[in-house]
Amino acid sequence: GIDIFRADPDVPSGSIVPIAFPLIAGSGTLTTILSLK
């Protein structure tokens, strides 16, 4: 119940970090894609 990831006041959106990367398209997903190749 602690907050480490906070919105950066200079960045208007948190959609890219940490949601798109690394939560969704993180190392597991990207490594899996490389493995599937």
PDB file of all heavy atoms in Angstrom:
ATOM      1  N   GLY A   1       0.802  -1.216   0.000  1.00  0.00           N
ATOM      2  CA  GLY A   1       0.000   0.000   0.000  1.00  0.00           C
ATOM      3  C   GLY A   1       0.838   1.271   0.000  1.00  0.00           C
ATOM      4  O   GLY A   1       0.436   2.282   0.556  1.00  0.00           O
ATOM      5  N   ILE A   2       2.008   1.210  -0.619  1.00  0.00           N
ATOM      6  CA  ILE A   2       2.878   2.384  -0.706  1.00  0.00           C
ATOM      7  C   ILE A   2       2.897   2.885  -2.144  1.00  0.00           C
ATOM      8  O   ILE A   2       2.526   2.168  -3.058  1.00  0.00           O
ATOM      9  CB  ILE A   2       4.326   2.064  -0.236  1.00  0.00           C
ATOM     10  CG1 ILE A   2       4.923   0.927  -1.074  1.00  0.00           C
ATOM     11  CG2 ILE A   2       4.342   1.728   1.239  1.00  0.00           C
ATOM     12  CD1 ILE A   2       6.373   0.625  -0.791  1.00  0.00           C
ATOM     13  N   ASP A   3       3.312   4.121  -2.335  1.00  0.00           N
ATOM     14  CA  ASP A   3       3.380   4.707  -3.672  1.00  0.00           C
ATOM     15  C   ASP A   3       4.826   5.000  -4.031  1.00  0.00           C
ATOM     16  O   ASP A   3       5.463   5.848  -3.411  1.00  0.00           O
ATOM     17  CB  ASP A   3       2.577   6.014  -3.736  1.00  0.00           C
ATOM     18  CG  ASP A   3       1.099   5.775  -3.534  1.00  0.00           C
ATOM     19  OD1 ASP A   3       0.602   4.739  -4.000  1.00  0.00           O
ATOM     20  OD2 ASP A   3       0.448   6.629  -2.910  1.00  0.00           O
ATOM     21  N   ILE A   4       5.317   4.271  -5.024  1.00  0.00           N
ATOM     22  CA  ILE A   4       6.666   4.506  -5.525  1.00  0.00           C
ATOM     23  C   ILE A   4       6.574   5.212  -6.875  1.00  0.00           C
ATOM     24  O   ILE A   4       7.264   6.184  -7.124  1.00  0.00           O
ATOM     25  CB  ILE A   4       7.458   3.187  -5.635  1.00  0.00           C
ATOM     26  CG1 ILE A   4       7.614   2.571  -4.241  1.00  0.00           C
ATOM     27  CG2 ILE A   4       8.823   3.432  -6.276  1.00  0.00           C
ATOM     28  CD1 ILE A   4       8.174   1.172  -4.221  1.00  0.00           C
ATOM     29  N   PHE A   5       5.675   4.716  -7.761  1.00  0.00           N
ATOM     30  CA  PHE A   5       5.461   5.365  -9.048  1.00  0.00           C
ATOM     31  C   PHE A   5       4.498   6.518  -8.839  1.00  0.00           C
ATOM     32  O   PHE A   5       3.380   6.334  -8.391  1.00  0.00           O
ATOM     33  CB  PHE A   5       4.861   4.390 -10.081  1.00  0.00           C
ATOM     34  CG  PHE A   5       5.874   3.475 -10.677  1.00  0.00           C
ATOM     35  CD1 PHE A   5       5.889   2.135 -10.359  1.00  0.00           C
ATOM     36  CD2 PHE A   5       6.824   3.952 -11.557  1.00  0.00           C
ATOM     37  CE1 PHE A   5       6.819   1.283 -10.906  1.00  0.00           C
ATOM     38  CE2 PHE A   5       7.763   3.113 -12.110  1.00  0.00           C
ATOM     39  CZ  PHE A   5       7.758   1.769 -11.782  1.00  0.00           C
ATOM     40  N   ARG A   6       4.953   7.699  -9.142  1.00  0.00           N
ATOM     41  CA  ARG A   6       4.116   8.890  -9.033  1.00  0.00           C
ATOM     42  C   ARG A   6       4.127   9.604 -10.375  1.00  0.00           C
ATOM     43  O   ARG A   6       5.082   9.489 -11.131  1.00  0.00           O
ATOM     44  CB  ARG A   6       4.659   9.826  -7.953  1.00  0.00           C
ATOM     45  CG  ARG A   6       4.559   9.234  -6.587  1.00  0.00           C
ATOM     46  CD  ARG A   6       5.028  10.232  -5.528  1.00  0.00           C
ATOM     47  NE  ARG A   6       5.146   9.552  -4.266  1.00  0.00           N
ATOM     48  CZ  ARG A   6       6.270   9.021  -3.804  1.00  0.00           C
ATOM     49  NH1 ARG A   6       7.376   9.109  -4.483  1.00  0.00           N
ATOM     50  NH2 ARG A   6       6.288   8.404  -2.650  1.00  0.00           N
ATOM     51  N   ALA A   7       3.092  10.357 -10.604  1.00  0.00           N
ATOM     52  CA  ALA A   7       3.048  11.124 -11.845  1.00  0.00           C
ATOM     53  C   ALA A   7       4.147  12.177 -11.820  1.00  0.00           C
ATOM     54  O   ALA A   7       4.318  12.881 -10.843  1.00  0.00           O
ATOM     55  CB  ALA A   7       1.688  11.797 -11.998  1.00  0.00           C
ATOM     56  N   ASP A   8       4.898  12.251 -12.881  1.00  0.00           N
ATOM     57  CA  ASP A   8       5.916  13.285 -13.016  1.00  0.00           C
ATOM     58  C   ASP A   8       5.200  14.574 -13.373  1.00  0.00           C
ATOM     59  O   ASP A   8       4.432  14.630 -14.333  1.00  0.00           O
ATOM     60  CB  ASP A   8       6.887  12.881 -14.133  1.00  0.00           C
ATOM     61  CG  ASP A   8       8.087  13.792 -14.229  1.00  0.00           C
ATOM     62  OD1 ASP A   8       7.977  14.974 -13.845  1.00  0.00           O
ATOM     63  OD2 ASP A   8       9.134  13.328 -14.704  1.00  0.00           O
ATOM     64  N   PRO A   9       5.415  15.643 -12.604  1.00  0.00           N
ATOM     65  CA  PRO A   9       4.677  16.884 -12.872  1.00  0.00           C
ATOM     66  C   PRO A   9       4.950  17.468 -14.252  1.00  0.00           C
ATOM     67  O   PRO A   9       4.143  18.210 -14.774  1.00  0.00           O
ATOM     68  CB  PRO A   9       5.157  17.838 -11.774  1.00  0.00           C
ATOM     69  CG  PRO A   9       6.390  17.233 -11.208  1.00  0.00           C
ATOM     70  CD  PRO A   9       6.349  15.771 -11.489  1.00  0.00           C
ATOM     71  N   ASP A  10       6.070  17.099 -14.869  1.00  0.00           N
ATOM     72  CA  ASP A  10       6.393  17.633 -16.189  1.00  0.00           C
ATOM     73  C   ASP A  10       5.826  16.787 -17.322  1.00  0.00           C
ATOM     74  O   ASP A  10       5.937  17.145 -18.481  1.00  0.00           O
ATOM     75  CB  ASP A  10       7.912  17.733 -16.355  1.00  0.00           C
ATOM     76  CG  ASP A  10       8.521  18.692 -15.348  1.00  0.00           C
ATOM     77  OD1 ASP A  10       7.839  19.668 -14.959  1.00  0.00           O
ATOM     78  OD2 ASP A  10       9.667  18.455 -14.939  1.00  0.00           O
ATOM     79  N   VAL A  11       5.265  15.619 -16.994  1.00  0.00           N
ATOM     80  CA  VAL A  11       4.724  14.719 -18.004  1.00  0.00           C
ATOM     81  C   VAL A  11       3.216  14.641 -17.810  1.00  0.00           C
ATOM     82  O   VAL A  11       2.745  14.277 -16.743  1.00  0.00           O
ATOM     83  CB  VAL A  11       5.355  13.312 -17.875  1.00  0.00           C
ATOM     84  CG1 VAL A  11       4.786  12.372 -18.934  1.00  0.00           C
ATOM     85  CG2 VAL A  11       6.869  13.395 -18.007  1.00  0.00           C
ATOM     86  N   PRO A  12       2.438  14.993 -18.847  1.00  0.00           N
ATOM     87  CA  PRO A  12       0.994  15.070 -18.689  1.00  0.00           C
ATOM     88  C   PRO A  12       0.283  13.724 -18.574  1.00  0.00           C
ATOM     89  O   PRO A  12      -0.864  13.674 -18.220  1.00  0.00           O
ATOM     90  CB  PRO A  12       0.540  15.804 -19.957  1.00  0.00           C
ATOM     91  CG  PRO A  12       1.601  15.537 -20.949  1.00  0.00           C
ATOM     92  CD  PRO A  12       2.877  15.405 -20.176  1.00  0.00           C
ATOM     93  N   SER A  13       0.916  12.609 -18.878  1.00  0.00           N
ATOM     94  CA  SER A  13       0.211  11.336 -18.856  1.00  0.00           C
ATOM     95  C   SER A  13       1.094  10.225 -18.348  1.00  0.00           C
ATOM     96  O   SER A  13       2.295  10.200 -18.599  1.00  0.00           O
ATOM     97  CB  SER A  13      -0.272  11.000 -20.271  1.00  0.00           C
ATOM     98  OG  SER A  13      -0.830   9.713 -20.297  1.00  0.00           O
ATOM     99  N   GLY A  14       0.485   9.275 -17.641  1.00  0.00           N
ATOM    100  CA  GLY A  14       1.184   8.081 -17.186  1.00  0.00           C
ATOM    101  C   GLY A  14       0.822   6.891 -18.044  1.00  0.00           C
ATOM    102  O   GLY A  14       1.013   5.759 -17.642  1.00  0.00           O
ATOM    103  N   SER A  15       0.255   7.143 -19.213  1.00  0.00           N
ATOM    104  CA  SER A  15      -0.181   6.053 -20.069  1.00  0.00           C
ATOM    105  C   SER A  15       0.982   5.222 -20.599  1.00  0.00           C
ATOM    106  O   SER A  15       0.850   4.022 -20.789  1.00  0.00           O
ATOM    107  CB  SER A  15      -0.991   6.594 -21.249  1.00  0.00           C
ATOM    108  OG  SER A  15      -2.152   7.246 -20.782  1.00  0.00           O
ATOM    109  N   ILE A  16       2.119   5.867 -20.842  1.00  0.00           N
ATOM    110  CA  ILE A  16       3.247   5.140 -21.412  1.00  0.00           C
ATOM    111  C   ILE A  16       4.012   4.401 -20.311  1.00  0.00           C
ATOM    112  O   ILE A  16       4.186   3.188 -20.378  1.00  0.00           O
ATOM    113  CB  ILE A  16       4.193   6.095 -22.188  1.00  0.00           C
ATOM    114  CG1 ILE A  16       3.401   6.959 -23.187  1.00  0.00           C
ATOM    115  CG2 ILE A  16       5.301   5.315 -22.868  1.00  0.00           C
ATOM    116  CD1 ILE A  16       2.634   6.235 -24.235  1.00  0.00           C
ATOM    117  N   VAL A  17       4.495   5.130 -19.333  1.00  0.00           N
ATOM    118  CA  VAL A  17       5.233   4.526 -18.216  1.00  0.00           C
ATOM    119  C   VAL A  17       4.446   4.812 -16.957  1.00  0.00           C
ATOM    120  O   VAL A  17       4.104   5.968 -16.717  1.00  0.00           O
ATOM    121  CB  VAL A  17       6.654   5.141 -18.103  1.00  0.00           C
ATOM    122  CG1 VAL A  17       7.383   4.590 -16.895  1.00  0.00           C
ATOM    123  CG2 VAL A  17       7.458   4.899 -19.376  1.00  0.00           C
ATOM    124  N   PRO A  18       4.104   3.854 -16.159  1.00  0.00           N
ATOM    125  CA  PRO A  18       4.492   2.450 -16.174  1.00  0.00           C
ATOM    126  C   PRO A  18       3.446   1.509 -16.768  1.00  0.00           C
ATOM    127  O   PRO A  18       3.599   0.300 -16.671  1.00  0.00           O
ATOM    128  CB  PRO A  18       4.662   2.146 -14.687  1.00  0.00           C
ATOM    129  CG  PRO A  18       3.604   2.957 -14.032  1.00  0.00           C
ATOM    130  CD  PRO A  18       3.510   4.222 -14.863  1.00  0.00           C
ATOM    131  N   ILE A  19       2.374   2.034 -17.402  1.00  0.00           N
ATOM    132  CA  ILE A  19       1.313   1.138 -17.880  1.00  0.00           C
ATOM    133  C   ILE A  19       1.728   0.393 -19.159  1.00  0.00           C
ATOM    134  O   ILE A  19       1.841  -0.834 -19.148  1.00  0.00           O
ATOM    135  CB  ILE A  19      -0.016   1.901 -18.127  1.00  0.00           C
ATOM    136  CG1 ILE A  19      -0.439   2.699 -16.888  1.00  0.00           C
ATOM    137  CG2 ILE A  19      -1.105   0.929 -18.550  1.00  0.00           C
ATOM    138  CD1 ILE A  19      -0.872   1.899 -15.716  1.00  0.00           C
ATOM    139  N   ALA A  20       1.942   1.126 -20.272  1.00  0.00           N
ATOM    140  CA  ALA A  20       2.295   0.446 -21.521  1.00  0.00           C
ATOM    141  C   ALA A  20       3.616  -0.300 -21.368  1.00  0.00           C
ATOM    142  O   ALA A  20       3.759  -1.450 -21.815  1.00  0.00           O
ATOM    143  CB  ALA A  20       2.377   1.442 -22.665  1.00  0.00           C
ATOM    144  N   PHE A  21       4.579   0.353 -20.742  1.00  0.00           N
ATOM    145  CA  PHE A  21       5.853  -0.292 -20.430  1.00  0.00           C
ATOM    146  C   PHE A  21       6.211   0.057 -19.009  1.00  0.00           C
ATOM    147  O   PHE A  21       6.194   1.238 -18.671  1.00  0.00           O
ATOM    148  CB  PHE A  21       6.967   0.192 -21.380  1.00  0.00           C
ATOM    149  CG  PHE A  21       8.287  -0.471 -21.089  1.00  0.00           C
ATOM    150  CD1 PHE A  21       8.557  -1.713 -21.594  1.00  0.00           C
ATOM    151  CD2 PHE A  21       9.225   0.145 -20.272  1.00  0.00           C
ATOM    152  CE1 PHE A  21       9.766  -2.336 -21.312  1.00  0.00           C
ATOM    153  CE2 PHE A  21      10.420  -0.471 -19.984  1.00  0.00           C
ATOM    154  CZ  PHE A  21      10.695  -1.716 -20.508  1.00  0.00           C
ATOM    155  N   PRO A  22       6.445  -0.869 -18.144  1.00  0.00           N
ATOM    156  CA  PRO A  22       6.706  -2.285 -18.355  1.00  0.00           C
ATOM    157  C   PRO A  22       5.526  -3.200 -18.041  1.00  0.00           C
ATOM    158  O   PRO A  22       5.652  -4.412 -18.182  1.00  0.00           O
ATOM    159  CB  PRO A  22       7.827  -2.564 -17.366  1.00  0.00           C
ATOM    160  CG  PRO A  22       7.491  -1.724 -16.194  1.00  0.00           C
ATOM    161  CD  PRO A  22       6.885  -0.454 -16.795  1.00  0.00           C
ATOM    162  N   LEU A  23       4.364  -2.647 -17.628  1.00  0.00           N
ATOM    163  CA  LEU A  23       3.285  -3.514 -17.183  1.00  0.00           C
ATOM    164  C   LEU A  23       2.733  -4.382 -18.311  1.00  0.00           C
ATOM    165  O   LEU A  23       2.611  -5.595 -18.161  1.00  0.00           O
ATOM    166  CB  LEU A  23       2.168  -2.674 -16.552  1.00  0.00           C
ATOM    167  CG  LEU A  23       1.091  -3.456 -15.814  1.00  0.00           C
ATOM    168  CD1 LEU A  23       1.690  -4.236 -14.652  1.00  0.00           C
ATOM    169  CD2 LEU A  23       0.015  -2.515 -15.314  1.00  0.00           C
ATOM    170  N   ILE A  24       2.386  -3.781 -19.444  1.00  0.00           N
ATOM    171  CA  ILE A  24       1.778  -4.545 -20.533  1.00  0.00           C
ATOM    172  C   ILE A  24       2.841  -5.063 -21.502  1.00  0.00           C
ATOM    173  O   ILE A  24       2.979  -6.265 -21.702  1.00  0.00           O
ATOM    174  CB  ILE A  24       0.727  -3.685 -21.268  1.00  0.00           C
ATOM    175  CG1 ILE A  24      -0.419  -3.346 -20.303  1.00  0.00           C
ATOM    176  CG2 ILE A  24       0.210  -4.410 -22.505  1.00  0.00           C
ATOM    177  CD1 ILE A  24      -1.383  -2.310 -20.820  1.00  0.00           C
ATOM    178  N   ALA A  25       3.563  -4.159 -22.117  1.00  0.00           N
ATOM    179  CA  ALA A  25       4.613  -4.556 -23.068  1.00  0.00           C
ATOM    180  C   ALA A  25       5.953  -4.502 -22.342  1.00  0.00           C
ATOM    181  O   ALA A  25       6.840  -3.749 -22.712  1.00  0.00           O
ATOM    182  CB  ALA A  25       4.599  -3.656 -24.292  1.00  0.00           C
ATOM    183  N   GLY A  26       6.061  -5.288 -21.305  1.00  0.00           N
ATOM    184  CA  GLY A  26       7.284  -5.312 -20.507  1.00  0.00           C
ATOM    185  C   GLY A  26       8.247  -6.370 -20.992  1.00  0.00           C
ATOM    186  O   GLY A  26       8.083  -6.950 -22.068  1.00  0.00           O
ATOM    187  N   SER A  27       9.218  -6.639 -20.165  1.00  0.00           N
ATOM    188  CA  SER A  27      10.268  -7.576 -20.567  1.00  0.00           C
ATOM    189  C   SER A  27       9.714  -8.967 -20.836  1.00  0.00           C
ATOM    190  O   SER A  27      10.171  -9.645 -21.757  1.00  0.00           O
ATOM    191  CB  SER A  27      11.364  -7.636 -19.496  1.00  0.00           C
ATOM    192  OG  SER A  27      10.841  -8.137 -18.282  1.00  0.00           O
ATOM    193  N   GLY A  28       8.708  -9.390 -20.072  1.00  0.00           N
ATOM    194  CA  GLY A  28       8.128 -10.714 -20.296  1.00  0.00           C
ATOM    195  C   GLY A  28       7.473 -10.807 -21.662  1.00  0.00           C
ATOM    196  O   GLY A  28       7.698 -11.751 -22.420  1.00  0.00           O
ATOM    197  N   THR A  29       6.672  -9.797 -21.997  1.00  0.00           N
ATOM    198  CA  THR A  29       5.984  -9.773 -23.294  1.00  0.00           C
ATOM    199  C   THR A  29       6.986  -9.658 -24.440  1.00  0.00           C
ATOM    200  O   THR A  29       6.914 -10.406 -25.416  1.00  0.00           O
ATOM    201  CB  THR A  29       4.996  -8.587 -23.352  1.00  0.00           C
ATOM    202  OG1 THR A  29       4.078  -8.708 -22.268  1.00  0.00           O
ATOM    203  CG2 THR A  29       4.250  -8.549 -24.664  1.00  0.00           C
ATOM    204  N   LEU A  30       7.921  -8.734 -24.313  1.00  0.00           N
ATOM    205  CA  LEU A  30       8.871  -8.509 -25.400  1.00  0.00           C
ATOM    206  C   LEU A  30       9.819  -9.693 -25.572  1.00  0.00           C
ATOM    207  O   LEU A  30      10.147 -10.074 -26.707  1.00  0.00           O
ATOM    208  CB  LEU A  30       9.632  -7.201 -25.165  1.00  0.00           C
ATOM    209  CG  LEU A  30       8.737  -5.951 -25.086  1.00  0.00           C
ATOM    210  CD1 LEU A  30       9.571  -4.712 -24.818  1.00  0.00           C
ATOM    211  CD2 LEU A  30       7.893  -5.784 -26.336  1.00  0.00           C
ATOM    212  N   THR A  31      10.237 -10.309 -24.482  1.00  0.00           N
ATOM    213  CA  THR A  31      11.091 -11.496 -24.575  1.00  0.00           C
ATOM    214  C   THR A  31      10.302 -12.652 -25.177  1.00  0.00           C
ATOM    215  O   THR A  31      10.841 -13.428 -25.967  1.00  0.00           O
ATOM    216  CB  THR A  31      11.642 -11.871 -23.184  1.00  0.00           C
ATOM    217  OG1 THR A  31      12.328 -10.739 -22.643  1.00  0.00           O
ATOM    218  CG2 THR A  31      12.590 -13.041 -23.259  1.00  0.00           C
ATOM    219  N   THR A  32       9.016 -12.764 -24.816  1.00  0.00           N
ATOM    220  CA  THR A  32       8.171 -13.808 -25.398  1.00  0.00           C
ATOM    221  C   THR A  32       8.049 -13.616 -26.902  1.00  0.00           C
ATOM    222  O   THR A  32       8.119 -14.585 -27.667  1.00  0.00           O
ATOM    223  CB  THR A  32       6.768 -13.809 -24.743  1.00  0.00           C
ATOM    224  OG1 THR A  32       6.928 -14.054 -23.342  1.00  0.00           O
ATOM    225  CG2 THR A  32       5.865 -14.854 -25.357  1.00  0.00           C
ATOM    226  N   ILE A  33       7.879 -12.384 -27.337  1.00  0.00           N
ATOM    227  CA  ILE A  33       7.787 -12.104 -28.772  1.00  0.00           C
ATOM    228  C   ILE A  33       9.073 -12.539 -29.478  1.00  0.00           C
ATOM    229  O   ILE A  33       9.026 -13.173 -30.535  1.00  0.00           O
ATOM    230  CB  ILE A  33       7.465 -10.614 -29.029  1.00  0.00           C
ATOM    231  CG1 ILE A  33       6.004 -10.334 -28.639  1.00  0.00           C
ATOM    232  CG2 ILE A  33       7.723 -10.222 -30.486  1.00  0.00           C
ATOM    233  CD1 ILE A  33       5.619  -8.872 -28.617  1.00  0.00           C
ATOM    234  N   LEU A  34      10.216 -12.227 -28.876  1.00  0.00           N
ATOM    235  CA  LEU A  34      11.488 -12.666 -29.472  1.00  0.00           C
ATOM    236  C   LEU A  34      11.580 -14.188 -29.503  1.00  0.00           C
ATOM    237  O   LEU A  34      12.060 -14.766 -30.482  1.00  0.00           O
ATOM    238  CB  LEU A  34      12.677 -12.089 -28.697  1.00  0.00           C
ATOM    239  CG  LEU A  34      12.916 -10.590 -28.819  1.00  0.00           C
ATOM    240  CD1 LEU A  34      14.122 -10.166 -27.985  1.00  0.00           C
ATOM    241  CD2 LEU A  34      13.117 -10.181 -30.274  1.00  0.00           C
ATOM    242  N   SER A  35      11.105 -14.842 -28.452  1.00  0.00           N
ATOM    243  CA  SER A  35      11.138 -16.308 -28.397  1.00  0.00           C
ATOM    244  C   SER A  35      10.200 -16.917 -29.433  1.00  0.00           C
ATOM    245  O   SER A  35      10.518 -17.942 -30.040  1.00  0.00           O
ATOM    246  CB  SER A  35      10.745 -16.801 -27.004  1.00  0.00           C
ATOM    247  OG  SER A  35      11.630 -16.313 -26.043  1.00  0.00           O
ATOM    248  N   LEU A  36       9.030 -16.308 -29.635  1.00  0.00           N
ATOM    249  CA  LEU A  36       8.082 -16.816 -30.623  1.00  0.00           C
ATOM    250  C   LEU A  36       8.644 -16.753 -32.040  1.00  0.00           C
ATOM    251  O   LEU A  36       8.274 -17.562 -32.895  1.00  0.00           O
ATOM    252  CB  LEU A  36       6.766 -16.031 -30.546  1.00  0.00           C
ATOM    253  CG  LEU A  36       5.895 -16.295 -29.313  1.00  0.00           C
ATOM    254  CD1 LEU A  36       4.752 -15.284 -29.238  1.00  0.00           C
ATOM    255  CD2 LEU A  36       5.353 -17.714 -29.316  1.00  0.00           C
ATOM    256  N   LYS A  37       9.554 -15.806 -32.280  1.00  0.00           N
ATOM    257  CA  LYS A  37      10.165 -15.691 -33.615  1.00  0.00           C
ATOM    258  C   LYS A  37      10.975 -16.924 -33.981  1.00  0.00           C
ATOM    259  O   LYS A  37      11.196 -17.196 -35.158  1.00  0.00           O
ATOM    260  CB  LYS A  37      11.059 -14.449 -33.687  1.00  0.00           C
ATOM    261  CG  LYS A  37      10.279 -13.165 -33.877  1.00  0.00           C
ATOM    262  CD  LYS A  37      11.178 -11.971 -34.002  1.00  0.00           C
ATOM    263  CE  LYS A  37      11.945 -11.995 -35.293  1.00  0.00           C
ATOM    264  NZ  LYS A  37      12.680 -10.768 -35.551  1.00  0.00           N
TER     265      LYS A  37
END
